Amino acid sequence: MPQLNPAPWFAILVFSWLVFLTIIPTKVMSHTSPNEPMHIDSEEHKTQPWDWPWQ
């Protein structure tokens, strides 16, 4: 039964993990976000209470 021969399947497994660990992370990390995070001010924002009109 050829399925029990580990030689070709092990090579495919190793090669696919090499692709996953080397090529794909570099391609994913090269993309930049169109919306850069904004700097949050250190002061506390004051919120106003909102009255429910039906109560």
C-alpha atoms as a PDB file:
ATOM      1  CA  MET A   1       0.000   0.000   0.000  1.00  0.00           C
ATOM      2  CA  PRO A   2       1.674   3.266  -1.085  1.00  0.00           C
ATOM      3  CA  GLN A   3      -0.045   5.309   1.641  1.00  0.00           C
ATOM      4  CA  LEU A   4       2.190   3.698   4.262  1.00  0.00           C
ATOM      5  CA  ASN A   5       5.413   4.874   2.627  1.00  0.00           C
ATOM      6  CA  PRO A   6       6.336   8.025   4.626  1.00  0.00           C
ATOM      7  CA  ALA A   7       9.007   9.325   2.263  1.00  0.00           C
ATOM      8  CA  PRO A   8       6.929  11.464  -0.157  1.00  0.00           C
ATOM      9  CA  TRP A   9       4.389  12.551   2.464  1.00  0.00           C
ATOM     10  CA  PHE A  10       7.045  13.616   4.951  1.00  0.00           C
ATOM     11  CA  ALA A  11       8.757  15.742   2.306  1.00  0.00           C
ATOM     12  CA  ILE A  12       5.433  17.383   1.420  1.00  0.00           C
ATOM     13  CA  LEU A  13       4.767  18.031   5.109  1.00  0.00           C
ATOM     14  CA  VAL A  14       8.177  19.603   5.682  1.00  0.00           C
ATOM     15  CA  PHE A  15       7.971  21.729   2.547  1.00  0.00           C
ATOM     16  CA  SER A  16       4.478  22.985   3.362  1.00  0.00           C
ATOM     17  CA  TRP A  17       5.558  23.961   6.896  1.00  0.00           C
ATOM     18  CA  LEU A  18       8.569  25.779   5.489  1.00  0.00           C
ATOM     19  CA  VAL A  19       6.218  27.737   3.242  1.00  0.00           C
ATOM     20  CA  PHE A  20       3.878  28.497   6.135  1.00  0.00           C
ATOM     21  CA  LEU A  21       6.698  29.615   8.426  1.00  0.00           C
ATOM     22  CA  THR A  22       8.781  31.652   5.973  1.00  0.00           C
ATOM     23  CA  ILE A  23       6.827  32.985   3.007  1.00  0.00           C
ATOM     24  CA  ILE A  24       3.312  33.547   4.332  1.00  0.00           C
ATOM     25  CA  PRO A  25       4.199  35.563   7.499  1.00  0.00           C
ATOM     26  CA  THR A  26       6.399  37.943   5.497  1.00  0.00           C
ATOM     27  CA  LYS A  27       3.596  38.523   2.983  1.00  0.00           C
ATOM     28  CA  VAL A  28       1.036  39.107   5.719  1.00  0.00           C
ATOM     29  CA  MET A  29       3.271  41.442   7.730  1.00  0.00           C
ATOM     30  CA  SER A  30       4.128  43.525   4.655  1.00  0.00           C
ATOM     31  CA  HIS A  31       0.558  44.796   4.418  1.00  0.00           C
ATOM     32  CA  THR A  32      -0.140  48.056   6.195  1.00  0.00           C
ATOM     33  CA  SER A  33      -3.382  49.171   7.685  1.00  0.00           C
ATOM     34  CA  PRO A  34      -5.056  52.101   5.912  1.00  0.00           C
ATOM     35  CA  ASN A  35      -6.207  53.452   9.275  1.00  0.00           C
ATOM     36  CA  GLU A  36      -3.257  54.019  11.550  1.00  0.00           C
ATOM     37  CA  PRO A  37      -4.088  54.011  15.266  1.00  0.00           C
ATOM     38  CA  MET A  38      -4.616  57.426  16.748  1.00  0.00           C
ATOM     39  CA  HIS A  39      -2.908  58.705  19.847  1.00  0.00           C
ATOM     40  CA  ILE A  40      -5.298  58.718  22.794  1.00  0.00           C
ATOM     41  CA  ASP A  41      -5.134  61.802  24.979  1.00  0.00           C
ATOM     42  CA  SER A  42      -4.338  61.256  28.608  1.00  0.00           C
ATOM     43  CA  GLU A  43      -7.207  63.456  29.798  1.00  0.00           C
ATOM     44  CA  GLU A  44     -10.486  61.853  30.717  1.00  0.00           C
ATOM     45  CA  HIS A  45     -13.397  62.546  28.391  1.00  0.00           C
ATOM     46  CA  LYS A  46     -16.509  63.804  30.112  1.00  0.00           C
ATOM     47  CA  THR A  47     -19.746  62.221  29.055  1.00  0.00           C
ATOM     48  CA  GLN A  48     -23.181  63.704  29.489  1.00  0.00           C
ATOM     49  CA  PRO A  49     -26.039  61.603  30.863  1.00  0.00           C
ATOM     50  CA  TRP A  50     -28.785  60.897  28.410  1.00  0.00           C
ATOM     51  CA  ASP A  51     -32.378  60.971  29.597  1.00  0.00           C
ATOM     52  CA  TRP A  52     -34.715  58.487  28.062  1.00  0.00           C
ATOM     53  CA  PRO A  53     -37.717  60.436  26.720  1.00  0.00           C
ATOM     54  CA  TRP A  54     -40.271  57.671  27.367  1.00  0.00           C
ATOM     55  CA  GLN A  55     -39.520  57.192  31.055  1.00  0.00           C
END
